[in-house]
Amino acid sequence: MDKCVLVVDDNDFNRELVRDILEDEDITVYEAEDGSSAIELLESEQADDIDAVLMDVRMPGIDGIETTKIIRTKNGKCTDVPIIAMTADGFGTEMEMLQKIGMNGLISKPVDVNTLVEQITELAGW
């Protein structure tokens, strides 16, 4: 089974780190450097490939929270794709609030490899 995750993060190093972790698990990675790019990708034909989204919460422009709200209210292909928040402020971010806007999980930065893979596997149903 092909597995694909969209990584949305404004930091090149963070995207590269997560991409390397996921590719080691034989997961295809699409990348977006901001919320607008993520929304555009999720409205494209490539959206059919995406099993889960890792979404940085704090980004310039459209942040991860606003991006998630937009994705969840669109009538597109990915309105129900699992979205996992990634944040360096994991303890200050309330999962209940994230769930209300449509996020399905939370990963704290720096990313723990096992936790990342376990959450994606569980939420994507692999």
N, C-alpha and C. Protein backbone atom coordinates (compact mmCIF):
# COMPACT_ATOMS: atom_id res chain seq x y z
N MET A 1 0.85 -1.18 0.00
CA MET A 1 0.00 0.00 0.00
C MET A 1 0.89 1.24 0.00
N ASP A 2 0.59 2.17 -0.87
CA ASP A 2 1.32 3.43 -0.89
C ASP A 2 0.85 4.30 0.26
N LYS A 3 1.80 4.96 0.90
CA LYS A 3 1.50 5.83 2.03
C LYS A 3 2.05 7.21 1.71
N CYS A 4 1.26 8.26 2.00
CA CYS A 4 1.69 9.61 1.67
C CYS A 4 1.24 10.59 2.76
N VAL A 5 2.17 11.46 3.16
CA VAL A 5 1.89 12.46 4.18
C VAL A 5 2.30 13.83 3.63
N LEU A 6 1.46 14.83 3.86
CA LEU A 6 1.79 16.21 3.54
C LEU A 6 2.36 16.86 4.80
N VAL A 7 3.57 17.41 4.69
CA VAL A 7 4.21 18.10 5.80
C VAL A 7 4.14 19.60 5.52
N VAL A 8 3.48 20.34 6.41
CA VAL A 8 3.31 21.79 6.26
C VAL A 8 4.09 22.47 7.37
N ASP A 9 5.16 23.17 7.01
CA ASP A 9 5.99 23.85 8.00
C ASP A 9 6.77 24.94 7.28
N ASP A 10 6.86 26.11 7.88
CA ASP A 10 7.58 27.22 7.25
C ASP A 10 9.09 27.08 7.40
N ASN A 11 9.55 26.17 8.24
CA ASN A 11 10.97 26.00 8.49
C ASN A 11 11.53 24.85 7.63
N ASP A 12 12.46 25.19 6.75
CA ASP A 12 13.05 24.19 5.85
C ASP A 12 13.67 23.03 6.61
N PHE A 13 14.38 23.32 7.69
CA PHE A 13 15.03 22.27 8.46
C PHE A 13 14.01 21.30 9.04
N ASN A 14 12.91 21.83 9.59
CA ASN A 14 11.87 20.96 10.16
C ASN A 14 11.25 20.07 9.10
N ARG A 15 10.97 20.63 7.92
CA ARG A 15 10.39 19.82 6.85
C ARG A 15 11.37 18.71 6.44
N GLU A 16 12.64 19.06 6.32
CA GLU A 16 13.65 18.09 5.92
C GLU A 16 13.77 16.98 6.96
N LEU A 17 13.79 17.34 8.23
CA LEU A 17 13.89 16.36 9.30
C LEU A 17 12.72 15.38 9.27
N VAL A 18 11.51 15.91 9.19
CA VAL A 18 10.32 15.06 9.17
C VAL A 18 10.29 14.23 7.90
N ARG A 19 10.66 14.82 6.77
CA ARG A 19 10.71 14.07 5.51
C ARG A 19 11.66 12.88 5.64
N ASP A 20 12.84 13.10 6.20
CA ASP A 20 13.80 12.01 6.36
C ASP A 20 13.25 10.89 7.24
N ILE A 21 12.59 11.26 8.33
CA ILE A 21 12.00 10.26 9.23
C ILE A 21 10.94 9.44 8.49
N LEU A 22 10.05 10.12 7.79
CA LEU A 22 8.96 9.43 7.10
C LEU A 22 9.46 8.60 5.93
N GLU A 23 10.41 9.12 5.18
CA GLU A 23 10.94 8.34 4.06
C GLU A 23 11.65 7.08 4.54
N ASP A 24 12.25 7.12 5.73
CA ASP A 24 12.84 5.91 6.31
C ASP A 24 11.79 4.86 6.61
N GLU A 25 10.54 5.29 6.74
CA GLU A 25 9.41 4.38 6.98
C GLU A 25 8.67 4.05 5.68
N ASP A 26 9.28 4.35 4.55
CA ASP A 26 8.68 4.12 3.22
C ASP A 26 7.38 4.88 3.01
N ILE A 27 7.34 6.11 3.51
CA ILE A 27 6.19 6.99 3.33
C ILE A 27 6.58 8.10 2.38
N THR A 28 5.78 8.31 1.35
CA THR A 28 5.99 9.41 0.41
C THR A 28 5.63 10.72 1.12
N VAL A 29 6.43 11.74 0.88
CA VAL A 29 6.21 13.03 1.54
C VAL A 29 6.01 14.13 0.51
N TYR A 30 4.91 14.86 0.67
CA TYR A 30 4.70 16.11 -0.05
C TYR A 30 4.98 17.21 0.96
N GLU A 31 5.46 18.35 0.48
CA GLU A 31 5.80 19.45 1.37
C GLU A 31 5.11 20.73 0.95
N ALA A 32 4.76 21.53 1.97
CA ALA A 32 4.24 22.88 1.75
C ALA A 32 4.88 23.77 2.79
N GLU A 33 5.32 24.96 2.35
CA GLU A 33 6.03 25.85 3.27
C GLU A 33 5.12 26.84 3.98
N ASP A 34 3.83 26.81 3.66
CA ASP A 34 2.88 27.69 4.35
C ASP A 34 1.46 27.18 4.13
N GLY A 35 0.52 27.81 4.85
CA GLY A 35 -0.87 27.39 4.77
C GLY A 35 -1.47 27.51 3.39
N SER A 36 -1.15 28.59 2.69
CA SER A 36 -1.70 28.79 1.35
C SER A 36 -1.26 27.68 0.39
N SER A 37 0.01 27.30 0.46
CA SER A 37 0.53 26.23 -0.39
C SER A 37 -0.13 24.89 -0.04
N ALA A 38 -0.37 24.67 1.25
CA ALA A 38 -1.02 23.43 1.68
C ALA A 38 -2.45 23.35 1.13
N ILE A 39 -3.18 24.44 1.24
CA ILE A 39 -4.56 24.47 0.74
C ILE A 39 -4.57 24.22 -0.77
N GLU A 40 -3.67 24.88 -1.47
CA GLU A 40 -3.56 24.70 -2.92
C GLU A 40 -3.28 23.23 -3.27
N LEU A 41 -2.36 22.61 -2.57
CA LEU A 41 -2.02 21.21 -2.82
C LEU A 41 -3.21 20.30 -2.51
N LEU A 42 -3.92 20.60 -1.44
CA LEU A 42 -5.06 19.77 -1.05
C LEU A 42 -6.27 19.95 -1.97
N GLU A 43 -6.23 20.95 -2.83
CA GLU A 43 -7.28 21.14 -3.82
C GLU A 43 -6.87 20.61 -5.19
N SER A 44 -5.65 20.10 -5.29
CA SER A 44 -5.14 19.60 -6.56
C SER A 44 -5.41 18.09 -6.70
N GLU A 45 -5.02 17.54 -7.82
CA GLU A 45 -5.17 16.11 -8.05
C GLU A 45 -4.30 15.30 -7.09
N GLN A 46 -3.20 15.88 -6.61
CA GLN A 46 -2.32 15.18 -5.68
C GLN A 46 -3.01 14.89 -4.35
N ALA A 47 -4.09 15.58 -4.06
CA ALA A 47 -4.80 15.38 -2.79
C ALA A 47 -5.26 13.94 -2.63
N ASP A 48 -5.55 13.26 -3.73
CA ASP A 48 -5.99 11.87 -3.68
C ASP A 48 -4.94 10.97 -3.05
N ASP A 49 -3.67 11.36 -3.12
CA ASP A 49 -2.58 10.55 -2.59
C ASP A 49 -2.37 10.71 -1.09
N ILE A 50 -2.85 11.81 -0.52
CA ILE A 50 -2.50 12.20 0.84
C ILE A 50 -3.37 11.46 1.87
N ASP A 51 -2.67 10.77 2.78
CA ASP A 51 -3.33 10.00 3.84
C ASP A 51 -3.39 10.75 5.15
N ALA A 52 -2.50 11.71 5.35
CA ALA A 52 -2.45 12.48 6.60
C ALA A 52 -1.67 13.77 6.35
N VAL A 53 -1.91 14.76 7.22
CA VAL A 53 -1.23 16.05 7.13
C VAL A 53 -0.57 16.33 8.48
N LEU A 54 0.71 16.69 8.45
CA LEU A 54 1.41 17.19 9.63
C LEU A 54 1.46 18.70 9.49
N MET A 55 0.80 19.41 10.40
CA MET A 55 0.59 20.85 10.25
C MET A 55 1.27 21.63 11.38
N ASP A 56 2.26 22.44 11.00
CA ASP A 56 2.88 23.35 11.97
C ASP A 56 1.80 24.32 12.43
N VAL A 57 1.71 24.54 13.72
CA VAL A 57 0.68 25.42 14.26
C VAL A 57 1.03 26.88 14.02
N ARG A 58 2.28 27.25 14.23
CA ARG A 58 2.70 28.66 14.12
C ARG A 58 3.51 28.88 12.85
N MET A 59 2.86 29.54 11.89
CA MET A 59 3.51 29.91 10.63
C MET A 59 3.11 31.33 10.28
N PRO A 60 3.97 32.06 9.58
CA PRO A 60 3.57 33.39 9.12
C PRO A 60 2.47 33.27 8.06
N GLY A 61 1.72 34.33 7.90
CA GLY A 61 0.62 34.29 6.94
C GLY A 61 -0.53 33.52 7.55
N ILE A 62 -1.02 32.53 6.82
CA ILE A 62 -2.10 31.69 7.33
C ILE A 62 -1.46 30.62 8.22
N ASP A 63 -1.71 30.68 9.53
CA ASP A 63 -1.10 29.71 10.43
C ASP A 63 -1.80 28.35 10.32
N GLY A 64 -1.29 27.38 11.06
CA GLY A 64 -1.82 26.02 10.97
C GLY A 64 -3.26 25.90 11.44
N ILE A 65 -3.63 26.70 12.42
CA ILE A 65 -5.00 26.65 12.92
C ILE A 65 -5.97 27.17 11.87
N GLU A 66 -5.66 28.32 11.29
CA GLU A 66 -6.52 28.89 10.26
C GLU A 66 -6.54 28.00 9.01
N THR A 67 -5.40 27.44 8.65
CA THR A 67 -5.32 26.54 7.50
C THR A 67 -6.22 25.33 7.71
N THR A 68 -6.18 24.77 8.92
CA THR A 68 -7.04 23.61 9.23
C THR A 68 -8.51 23.98 9.12
N LYS A 69 -8.88 25.14 9.64
CA LYS A 69 -10.28 25.59 9.56
C LYS A 69 -10.72 25.69 8.10
N ILE A 70 -9.85 26.23 7.26
CA ILE A 70 -10.18 26.37 5.83
C ILE A 70 -10.32 25.00 5.18
N ILE A 71 -9.39 24.10 5.47
CA ILE A 71 -9.44 22.74 4.89
C ILE A 71 -10.73 22.05 5.31
N ARG A 72 -11.10 22.18 6.56
CA ARG A 72 -12.29 21.48 7.07
C ARG A 72 -13.60 22.05 6.54
N THR A 73 -13.59 23.29 6.09
CA THR A 73 -14.84 23.88 5.59
C THR A 73 -14.96 23.82 4.07
N LYS A 74 -13.90 23.40 3.40
CA LYS A 74 -13.95 23.27 1.94
C LYS A 74 -14.77 22.03 1.58
N ASN A 75 -15.31 22.02 0.40
CA ASN A 75 -16.01 20.84 -0.09
C ASN A 75 -15.09 19.99 -0.95
N GLY A 76 -13.81 20.03 -0.65
CA GLY A 76 -12.83 19.32 -1.46
C GLY A 76 -12.63 17.88 -1.03
N LYS A 77 -11.58 17.31 -1.56
CA LYS A 77 -11.28 15.90 -1.37
C LYS A 77 -10.75 15.59 0.02
N CYS A 78 -10.16 16.54 0.69
CA CYS A 78 -9.43 16.26 1.93
C CYS A 78 -10.09 16.81 3.17
N THR A 79 -11.39 16.99 3.15
CA THR A 79 -12.05 17.54 4.33
C THR A 79 -11.97 16.60 5.52
N ASP A 80 -11.74 15.30 5.28
CA ASP A 80 -11.68 14.35 6.39
C ASP A 80 -10.31 13.71 6.57
N VAL A 81 -9.30 14.19 5.87
CA VAL A 81 -7.95 13.65 6.05
C VAL A 81 -7.46 13.99 7.47
N PRO A 82 -6.83 13.05 8.15
CA PRO A 82 -6.31 13.35 9.49
C PRO A 82 -5.27 14.46 9.45
N ILE A 83 -5.42 15.43 10.35
CA ILE A 83 -4.46 16.53 10.46
C ILE A 83 -3.86 16.48 11.86
N ILE A 84 -2.54 16.39 11.91
CA ILE A 84 -1.81 16.31 13.17
C ILE A 84 -1.05 17.62 13.36
N ALA A 85 -1.33 18.30 14.47
CA ALA A 85 -0.64 19.55 14.78
C ALA A 85 0.80 19.25 15.19
N MET A 86 1.72 20.11 14.73
CA MET A 86 3.11 20.05 15.19
C MET A 86 3.43 21.41 15.80
N THR A 87 3.93 21.38 17.04
CA THR A 87 4.23 22.64 17.69
C THR A 87 5.35 22.48 18.70
N ALA A 88 6.16 23.51 18.84
CA ALA A 88 7.20 23.54 19.85
C ALA A 88 6.60 23.87 21.21
N ASP A 89 5.35 24.32 21.21
CA ASP A 89 4.65 24.71 22.42
C ASP A 89 3.59 23.67 22.75
N GLY A 90 3.97 22.40 22.72
CA GLY A 90 3.03 21.30 22.91
C GLY A 90 2.27 21.34 24.21
N PHE A 91 2.90 21.80 25.28
CA PHE A 91 2.22 21.82 26.56
C PHE A 91 1.25 22.99 26.66
N GLY A 92 1.50 24.06 25.90
CA GLY A 92 0.62 25.22 25.94
C GLY A 92 -0.52 25.13 24.95
N THR A 93 -0.48 24.15 24.09
CA THR A 93 -1.53 23.99 23.09
C THR A 93 -2.54 22.98 23.60
N GLU A 94 -3.78 23.37 23.69
CA GLU A 94 -4.81 22.50 24.21
C GLU A 94 -5.37 21.62 23.11
N MET A 95 -5.29 20.30 23.32
CA MET A 95 -5.78 19.36 22.32
C MET A 95 -7.28 19.54 22.10
N GLU A 96 -8.01 19.88 23.15
CA GLU A 96 -9.46 20.08 23.00
C GLU A 96 -9.76 21.19 21.99
N MET A 97 -9.02 22.30 22.08
CA MET A 97 -9.20 23.40 21.14
C MET A 97 -8.84 22.96 19.73
N LEU A 98 -7.75 22.21 19.60
CA LEU A 98 -7.32 21.74 18.28
C LEU A 98 -8.36 20.79 17.68
N GLN A 99 -8.95 19.94 18.49
CA GLN A 99 -9.97 19.02 18.00
C GLN A 99 -11.21 19.78 17.53
N LYS A 100 -11.56 20.87 18.22
CA LYS A 100 -12.73 21.66 17.84
C LYS A 100 -12.57 22.26 16.45
N ILE A 101 -11.34 22.60 16.07
CA ILE A 101 -11.14 23.18 14.74
C ILE A 101 -10.89 22.12 13.68
N GLY A 102 -10.75 20.85 14.11
CA GLY A 102 -10.63 19.77 13.14
C GLY A 102 -9.31 19.04 13.10
N MET A 103 -8.43 19.31 14.06
CA MET A 103 -7.17 18.56 14.11
C MET A 103 -7.41 17.26 14.87
N ASN A 104 -6.65 16.24 14.51
CA ASN A 104 -6.86 14.91 15.06
C ASN A 104 -5.78 14.45 16.04
N GLY A 105 -4.66 15.14 16.09
CA GLY A 105 -3.56 14.73 16.96
C GLY A 105 -2.60 15.87 17.17
N LEU A 106 -1.60 15.63 18.04
CA LEU A 106 -0.62 16.65 18.38
C LEU A 106 0.74 16.01 18.56
N ILE A 107 1.74 16.56 17.89
CA ILE A 107 3.13 16.14 18.01
C ILE A 107 3.91 17.35 18.51
N SER A 108 4.69 17.16 19.56
CA SER A 108 5.54 18.24 20.07
C SER A 108 6.88 18.23 19.36
N LYS A 109 7.42 19.44 19.13
CA LYS A 109 8.77 19.57 18.60
C LYS A 109 9.70 19.77 19.77
N PRO A 110 10.89 19.22 19.78
CA PRO A 110 11.44 18.42 18.69
C PRO A 110 10.69 17.09 18.57
N VAL A 111 10.60 16.65 17.34
CA VAL A 111 9.79 15.48 17.00
C VAL A 111 10.44 14.20 17.52
N ASP A 112 9.66 13.40 18.22
CA ASP A 112 10.08 12.07 18.63
C ASP A 112 9.67 11.10 17.52
N VAL A 113 10.63 10.38 16.97
CA VAL A 113 10.40 9.52 15.81
C VAL A 113 9.28 8.51 16.07
N ASN A 114 9.35 7.81 17.18
CA ASN A 114 8.36 6.77 17.46
C ASN A 114 6.96 7.34 17.61
N THR A 115 6.84 8.45 18.33
CA THR A 115 5.53 9.08 18.51
C THR A 115 4.96 9.54 17.17
N LEU A 116 5.81 10.13 16.35
CA LEU A 116 5.38 10.61 15.04
C LEU A 116 4.84 9.46 14.19
N VAL A 117 5.60 8.41 14.08
CA VAL A 117 5.20 7.26 13.25
C VAL A 117 3.95 6.60 13.82
N GLU A 118 3.87 6.45 15.14
CA GLU A 118 2.70 5.82 15.76
C GLU A 118 1.43 6.63 15.51
N GLN A 119 1.51 7.96 15.67
CA GLN A 119 0.31 8.78 15.47
C GLN A 119 -0.16 8.74 14.03
N ILE A 120 0.78 8.86 13.10
CA ILE A 120 0.40 8.84 11.69
C ILE A 120 -0.21 7.49 11.34
N THR A 121 0.43 6.42 11.77
CA THR A 121 -0.05 5.07 11.47
C THR A 121 -1.46 4.87 12.01
N GLU A 122 -1.69 5.30 13.24
CA GLU A 122 -3.00 5.15 13.86
C GLU A 122 -4.06 5.99 13.14
N LEU A 123 -3.77 7.27 12.94
CA LEU A 123 -4.77 8.17 12.37
C LEU A 123 -5.03 7.93 10.88
N ALA A 124 -4.00 7.49 10.16
CA ALA A 124 -4.19 7.22 8.73
C ALA A 124 -4.78 5.83 8.49
N GLY A 125 -4.81 5.02 9.54
CA GLY A 125 -5.42 3.69 9.42
C GLY A 125 -4.55 2.68 8.69
N TRP A 126 -3.24 2.81 8.83
CA TRP A 126 -2.34 1.87 8.17
C TRP A 126 -2.12 0.65 9.01
